[in-house]
Amino acid sequence: MTEEHIKEMLDKLKNGELNEYYVSKEDFLSVRNVIVRRDDFKHFRGIAQRGGAVIYQYLEAARS
């Protein structure tokens, strides 16, 4: 998974084009590294799944 693809999916989450973004265990660290560099990273919520996958959602209000 390329950084460009990750940024595109995260922007779709932010813009409401996607409700959720599923990330496999293998891609988790790549996606996380992109998210933490964003100015709006506190708006992303990751929900851990069984087996190490994560489902990301974008929240209107930043988490604390």
N, C-alpha and C. Protein backbone atom coordinates (compact mmCIF):
# COMPACT_ATOMS: atom_id res chain seq x y z
N MET A 1 0.85 -1.17 0.00
CA MET A 1 0.00 0.00 0.00
C MET A 1 0.90 1.24 0.00
N THR A 2 0.68 2.12 -0.95
CA THR A 2 1.51 3.32 -1.06
C THR A 2 1.00 4.43 -0.17
N GLU A 3 1.89 5.36 0.15
CA GLU A 3 1.50 6.49 0.98
C GLU A 3 0.45 7.34 0.28
N GLU A 4 0.56 7.46 -1.03
CA GLU A 4 -0.42 8.23 -1.80
C GLU A 4 -1.82 7.61 -1.70
N HIS A 5 -1.89 6.28 -1.79
CA HIS A 5 -3.17 5.58 -1.66
C HIS A 5 -3.76 5.78 -0.27
N ILE A 6 -2.92 5.71 0.74
CA ILE A 6 -3.37 5.90 2.12
C ILE A 6 -3.94 7.30 2.30
N LYS A 7 -3.22 8.31 1.81
CA LYS A 7 -3.68 9.70 1.92
C LYS A 7 -5.02 9.88 1.21
N GLU A 8 -5.17 9.25 0.07
CA GLU A 8 -6.42 9.35 -0.69
C GLU A 8 -7.58 8.76 0.11
N MET A 9 -7.38 7.60 0.71
CA MET A 9 -8.44 6.97 1.50
C MET A 9 -8.78 7.79 2.75
N LEU A 10 -7.76 8.35 3.39
CA LEU A 10 -8.00 9.17 4.58
C LEU A 10 -8.75 10.45 4.22
N ASP A 11 -8.43 11.03 3.08
CA ASP A 11 -9.16 12.22 2.63
C ASP A 11 -10.61 11.88 2.31
N LYS A 12 -10.86 10.69 1.76
CA LYS A 12 -12.24 10.26 1.49
C LYS A 12 -13.00 10.08 2.79
N LEU A 13 -12.33 9.56 3.81
CA LEU A 13 -12.96 9.45 5.13
C LEU A 13 -13.33 10.84 5.65
N LYS A 14 -12.39 11.77 5.56
CA LYS A 14 -12.61 13.13 6.06
C LYS A 14 -13.75 13.81 5.33
N ASN A 15 -13.83 13.62 4.02
CA ASN A 15 -14.85 14.28 3.20
C ASN A 15 -16.21 13.58 3.24
N GLY A 16 -16.29 12.46 3.93
CA GLY A 16 -17.56 11.75 4.04
C GLY A 16 -17.86 10.81 2.89
N GLU A 17 -16.92 10.63 1.98
CA GLU A 17 -17.12 9.70 0.87
C GLU A 17 -17.09 8.25 1.35
N LEU A 18 -16.37 8.01 2.44
CA LEU A 18 -16.32 6.70 3.08
C LEU A 18 -16.76 6.85 4.54
N ASN A 19 -17.47 5.85 5.06
CA ASN A 19 -17.84 5.85 6.47
C ASN A 19 -16.74 5.21 7.32
N GLU A 20 -16.11 4.17 6.74
CA GLU A 20 -15.07 3.42 7.45
C GLU A 20 -13.99 3.04 6.46
N TYR A 21 -12.80 2.80 6.99
CA TYR A 21 -11.67 2.36 6.18
C TYR A 21 -11.02 1.19 6.89
N TYR A 22 -11.09 0.01 6.27
CA TYR A 22 -10.54 -1.22 6.84
C TYR A 22 -9.05 -1.31 6.52
N VAL A 23 -8.24 -1.54 7.55
CA VAL A 23 -6.80 -1.66 7.38
C VAL A 23 -6.36 -3.01 7.93
N SER A 24 -5.68 -3.78 7.11
CA SER A 24 -5.20 -5.10 7.53
C SER A 24 -4.03 -4.95 8.51
N LYS A 25 -3.75 -6.02 9.21
CA LYS A 25 -2.65 -6.05 10.18
C LYS A 25 -1.33 -5.67 9.49
N GLU A 26 -1.13 -6.16 8.29
CA GLU A 26 0.12 -5.92 7.56
C GLU A 26 0.30 -4.45 7.18
N ASP A 27 -0.79 -3.73 6.95
CA ASP A 27 -0.73 -2.34 6.52
C ASP A 27 -0.89 -1.34 7.66
N PHE A 28 -1.15 -1.83 8.86
CA PHE A 28 -1.46 -0.95 9.98
C PHE A 28 -0.38 0.10 10.24
N LEU A 29 0.88 -0.31 10.34
CA LEU A 29 1.94 0.64 10.68
C LEU A 29 2.12 1.70 9.59
N SER A 30 1.98 1.32 8.34
CA SER A 30 2.08 2.29 7.25
C SER A 30 0.98 3.34 7.36
N VAL A 31 -0.24 2.89 7.61
CA VAL A 31 -1.38 3.80 7.72
C VAL A 31 -1.22 4.68 8.96
N ARG A 32 -0.84 4.10 10.05
CA ARG A 32 -0.68 4.86 11.29
C ARG A 32 0.37 5.96 11.12
N ASN A 33 1.48 5.65 10.46
CA ASN A 33 2.53 6.64 10.25
C ASN A 33 2.03 7.84 9.45
N VAL A 34 1.13 7.61 8.51
CA VAL A 34 0.56 8.70 7.73
C VAL A 34 -0.42 9.50 8.59
N ILE A 35 -1.25 8.80 9.36
CA ILE A 35 -2.26 9.48 10.18
C ILE A 35 -1.62 10.41 11.22
N VAL A 36 -0.59 9.95 11.91
CA VAL A 36 -0.02 10.76 13.00
C VAL A 36 0.70 12.00 12.48
N ARG A 37 1.02 12.07 11.21
CA ARG A 37 1.65 13.26 10.64
C ARG A 37 0.63 14.29 10.16
N ARG A 38 -0.66 13.93 10.16
CA ARG A 38 -1.70 14.85 9.70
C ARG A 38 -2.07 15.83 10.80
N ASP A 39 -2.47 17.03 10.40
CA ASP A 39 -2.91 18.03 11.37
C ASP A 39 -4.19 17.61 12.07
N ASP A 40 -5.03 16.83 11.39
CA ASP A 40 -6.31 16.42 11.95
C ASP A 40 -6.29 14.99 12.50
N PHE A 41 -5.12 14.52 12.93
CA PHE A 41 -5.01 13.12 13.35
C PHE A 41 -5.90 12.77 14.53
N LYS A 42 -6.25 13.73 15.36
CA LYS A 42 -7.11 13.42 16.51
C LYS A 42 -8.57 13.20 16.11
N HIS A 43 -8.89 13.42 14.86
CA HIS A 43 -10.24 13.17 14.37
C HIS A 43 -10.42 11.71 13.92
N PHE A 44 -9.32 10.99 13.79
CA PHE A 44 -9.41 9.60 13.36
C PHE A 44 -9.53 8.68 14.57
N ARG A 45 -10.49 7.76 14.47
CA ARG A 45 -10.66 6.76 15.52
C ARG A 45 -10.39 5.40 14.91
N GLY A 46 -9.50 4.64 15.54
CA GLY A 46 -9.21 3.29 15.10
C GLY A 46 -9.87 2.29 16.01
N ILE A 47 -10.61 1.36 15.43
CA ILE A 47 -11.31 0.33 16.20
C ILE A 47 -10.63 -1.00 15.90
N ALA A 48 -9.98 -1.55 16.91
CA ALA A 48 -9.23 -2.80 16.73
C ALA A 48 -10.17 -3.95 16.43
N GLN A 49 -9.73 -4.80 15.53
CA GLN A 49 -10.49 -5.99 15.15
C GLN A 49 -9.71 -7.24 15.55
N ARG A 50 -10.39 -8.32 15.63
CA ARG A 50 -9.73 -9.58 15.93
C ARG A 50 -8.73 -9.91 14.83
N GLY A 51 -7.54 -10.31 15.21
CA GLY A 51 -6.52 -10.68 14.23
C GLY A 51 -5.57 -9.54 13.87
N GLY A 52 -5.76 -8.36 14.48
CA GLY A 52 -4.83 -7.26 14.28
C GLY A 52 -5.25 -6.22 13.27
N ALA A 53 -6.36 -6.39 12.62
CA ALA A 53 -6.85 -5.38 11.67
C ALA A 53 -7.47 -4.22 12.45
N VAL A 54 -7.65 -3.09 11.76
CA VAL A 54 -8.23 -1.90 12.37
C VAL A 54 -9.22 -1.28 11.40
N ILE A 55 -10.34 -0.80 11.93
CA ILE A 55 -11.29 -0.04 11.13
C ILE A 55 -11.18 1.41 11.59
N TYR A 56 -10.87 2.30 10.64
CA TYR A 56 -10.75 3.72 10.96
C TYR A 56 -12.03 4.44 10.58
N GLN A 57 -12.40 5.40 11.44
CA GLN A 57 -13.53 6.28 11.20
C GLN A 57 -13.05 7.71 11.42
N TYR A 58 -13.72 8.67 10.78
CA TYR A 58 -13.39 10.08 10.97
C TYR A 58 -14.48 10.72 11.82
N LEU A 59 -14.06 11.37 12.90
CA LEU A 59 -14.99 12.01 13.82
C LEU A 59 -15.03 13.51 13.56
N GLU A 60 -16.22 14.10 13.65
CA GLU A 60 -16.37 15.55 13.47
C GLU A 60 -15.64 16.31 14.57
N ALA A 61 -15.75 15.84 15.80
CA ALA A 61 -15.07 16.46 16.92
C ALA A 61 -13.80 15.68 17.25
N ALA A 62 -12.72 16.40 17.48
CA ALA A 62 -11.47 15.74 17.80
C ALA A 62 -11.57 15.03 19.15
N ARG A 63 -10.94 13.86 19.22
CA ARG A 63 -10.92 13.16 20.51
C ARG A 63 -9.93 13.86 21.42
N SER A 64 -10.10 13.67 22.70
CA SER A 64 -9.24 14.39 23.65
C SER A 64 -7.92 13.71 23.87
